[in-house]
Amino acid sequence: MNYALVLHKGSYVKRARLIARSDIPKLIRSIIGWPDQYMPYAYKKFGPKGSWNPFY
């Protein structure tokens, strides 16, 4: 499985490249999770769904 390594500022993407899971340090892999891992939406944890746009 490949992951995208992206350098961005806001919505502007400066650089992007694909990397393999084996190229990611082991400490970071545990943060990313497994490819078959799904995190369902939890209202108590994430709060109400809304717009990410602060000007909306």
N, C-alpha and C. Protein backbone atom coordinates (compact mmCIF):
# COMPACT_ATOMS: atom_id res chain seq x y z
N MET A 1 0.85 -1.18 0.00
CA MET A 1 0.00 0.00 0.00
C MET A 1 0.89 1.23 0.00
N ASN A 2 0.51 2.22 -0.77
CA ASN A 2 1.26 3.46 -0.84
C ASN A 2 0.55 4.56 -0.07
N TYR A 3 1.34 5.50 0.40
CA TYR A 3 0.83 6.68 1.08
C TYR A 3 1.32 7.90 0.32
N ALA A 4 0.61 8.99 0.42
CA ALA A 4 1.03 10.24 -0.22
C ALA A 4 1.73 11.11 0.81
N LEU A 5 2.92 11.55 0.47
CA LEU A 5 3.66 12.50 1.30
C LEU A 5 3.49 13.85 0.62
N VAL A 6 2.82 14.78 1.29
CA VAL A 6 2.42 16.04 0.66
C VAL A 6 2.97 17.22 1.43
N LEU A 7 3.58 18.15 0.71
CA LEU A 7 4.02 19.42 1.28
C LEU A 7 3.02 20.46 0.79
N HIS A 8 2.31 21.08 1.73
CA HIS A 8 1.26 22.02 1.33
C HIS A 8 1.25 23.24 2.23
N LYS A 9 0.61 24.28 1.75
CA LYS A 9 0.34 25.47 2.54
C LYS A 9 -1.11 25.83 2.24
N GLY A 10 -1.96 25.56 3.21
CA GLY A 10 -3.39 25.75 2.98
C GLY A 10 -3.88 24.73 1.96
N SER A 11 -4.59 25.18 0.94
CA SER A 11 -5.08 24.27 -0.08
C SER A 11 -4.10 24.14 -1.24
N TYR A 12 -3.01 24.89 -1.23
CA TYR A 12 -2.02 24.83 -2.30
C TYR A 12 -1.01 23.72 -2.02
N VAL A 13 -0.90 22.77 -2.94
CA VAL A 13 0.05 21.67 -2.80
C VAL A 13 1.33 22.04 -3.53
N LYS A 14 2.44 22.10 -2.78
CA LYS A 14 3.73 22.44 -3.39
C LYS A 14 4.40 21.22 -4.01
N ARG A 15 4.43 20.11 -3.27
CA ARG A 15 5.06 18.88 -3.73
C ARG A 15 4.30 17.69 -3.19
N ALA A 16 4.32 16.60 -3.95
CA ALA A 16 3.69 15.36 -3.49
C ALA A 16 4.44 14.18 -4.10
N ARG A 17 4.54 13.11 -3.33
CA ARG A 17 5.14 11.88 -3.85
C ARG A 17 4.55 10.70 -3.09
N LEU A 18 4.57 9.54 -3.74
CA LEU A 18 4.08 8.32 -3.13
C LEU A 18 5.22 7.61 -2.42
N ILE A 19 4.93 7.10 -1.23
CA ILE A 19 5.92 6.34 -0.48
C ILE A 19 5.27 5.04 -0.01
N ALA A 20 6.09 4.02 0.16
CA ALA A 20 5.60 2.73 0.65
C ALA A 20 5.50 2.77 2.17
N ARG A 21 4.68 1.90 2.73
CA ARG A 21 4.53 1.84 4.19
C ARG A 21 5.85 1.52 4.86
N SER A 22 6.69 0.72 4.21
CA SER A 22 7.99 0.35 4.80
C SER A 22 8.95 1.53 4.88
N ASP A 23 8.70 2.60 4.12
CA ASP A 23 9.55 3.80 4.17
C ASP A 23 9.20 4.72 5.33
N ILE A 24 8.08 4.48 5.99
CA ILE A 24 7.63 5.31 7.10
C ILE A 24 8.26 4.78 8.39
N PRO A 25 8.84 5.64 9.23
CA PRO A 25 9.42 5.17 10.50
C PRO A 25 8.39 4.44 11.36
N LYS A 26 8.84 3.44 12.10
CA LYS A 26 7.93 2.60 12.89
C LYS A 26 7.13 3.39 13.92
N LEU A 27 7.71 4.42 14.51
CA LEU A 27 6.97 5.22 15.49
C LEU A 27 5.79 5.95 14.84
N ILE A 28 5.96 6.37 13.61
CA ILE A 28 4.89 7.09 12.91
C ILE A 28 3.83 6.12 12.39
N ARG A 29 4.23 4.90 12.03
CA ARG A 29 3.27 3.90 11.52
C ARG A 29 2.14 3.65 12.51
N SER A 30 2.46 3.61 13.80
CA SER A 30 1.41 3.36 14.79
C SER A 30 0.41 4.51 14.85
N ILE A 31 0.84 5.71 14.53
CA ILE A 31 -0.07 6.87 14.51
C ILE A 31 -0.98 6.81 13.29
N ILE A 32 -0.41 6.40 12.16
CA ILE A 32 -1.18 6.34 10.91
C ILE A 32 -2.25 5.26 10.98
N GLY A 33 -1.91 4.12 11.57
CA GLY A 33 -2.85 3.01 11.65
C GLY A 33 -2.63 2.02 10.52
N TRP A 34 -3.45 0.97 10.51
CA TRP A 34 -3.34 -0.07 9.50
C TRP A 34 -4.25 0.24 8.33
N PRO A 35 -3.92 -0.26 7.13
CA PRO A 35 -4.74 0.03 5.93
C PRO A 35 -6.19 -0.43 6.07
N ASP A 36 -6.44 -1.49 6.83
CA ASP A 36 -7.80 -1.98 6.97
C ASP A 36 -8.52 -1.38 8.18
N GLN A 37 -7.90 -0.41 8.83
CA GLN A 37 -8.48 0.21 10.02
C GLN A 37 -9.44 1.33 9.61
N TYR A 38 -10.62 1.34 10.19
CA TYR A 38 -11.61 2.37 9.90
C TYR A 38 -12.01 3.03 11.21
N MET A 39 -12.02 4.35 11.24
CA MET A 39 -12.41 5.08 12.43
C MET A 39 -13.79 5.69 12.19
N PRO A 40 -14.84 5.12 12.77
CA PRO A 40 -16.17 5.68 12.56
C PRO A 40 -16.33 7.03 13.27
N TYR A 41 -17.26 7.81 12.76
CA TYR A 41 -17.53 9.12 13.35
C TYR A 41 -18.19 8.94 14.72
N ALA A 42 -17.69 9.62 15.72
CA ALA A 42 -18.26 9.56 17.07
C ALA A 42 -18.59 10.98 17.52
N TYR A 43 -19.86 11.24 17.75
CA TYR A 43 -20.30 12.59 18.12
C TYR A 43 -19.63 13.07 19.40
N LYS A 44 -19.53 12.19 20.41
CA LYS A 44 -18.93 12.58 21.69
C LYS A 44 -17.45 12.94 21.54
N LYS A 45 -16.78 12.30 20.61
CA LYS A 45 -15.35 12.53 20.43
C LYS A 45 -15.06 13.73 19.52
N PHE A 46 -15.82 13.85 18.41
CA PHE A 46 -15.53 14.87 17.40
C PHE A 46 -16.48 16.06 17.43
N GLY A 47 -17.59 15.96 18.15
CA GLY A 47 -18.54 17.06 18.18
C GLY A 47 -19.44 17.05 16.96
N PRO A 48 -20.26 18.09 16.81
CA PRO A 48 -21.21 18.11 15.69
C PRO A 48 -20.48 18.30 14.36
N LYS A 49 -21.06 17.70 13.33
CA LYS A 49 -20.51 17.89 11.98
C LYS A 49 -20.88 19.28 11.51
N GLY A 50 -19.97 19.92 10.83
CA GLY A 50 -20.24 21.26 10.33
C GLY A 50 -19.25 21.62 9.25
N SER A 51 -19.31 22.82 8.81
CA SER A 51 -18.43 23.29 7.75
C SER A 51 -17.05 23.59 8.32
N TRP A 52 -16.00 23.27 7.56
CA TRP A 52 -14.64 23.62 7.96
C TRP A 52 -14.31 25.05 7.56
N ASN A 53 -15.19 25.67 6.80
CA ASN A 53 -14.96 27.02 6.33
C ASN A 53 -15.32 28.00 7.45
N PRO A 54 -14.36 28.79 7.96
CA PRO A 54 -14.67 29.72 9.05
C PRO A 54 -15.54 30.90 8.61
N PHE A 55 -15.69 31.13 7.30
CA PHE A 55 -16.46 32.26 6.79
C PHE A 55 -17.87 31.86 6.40
N TYR A 56 -18.25 30.59 6.67
CA TYR A 56 -19.56 30.10 6.27
C TYR A 56 -20.63 30.59 7.21
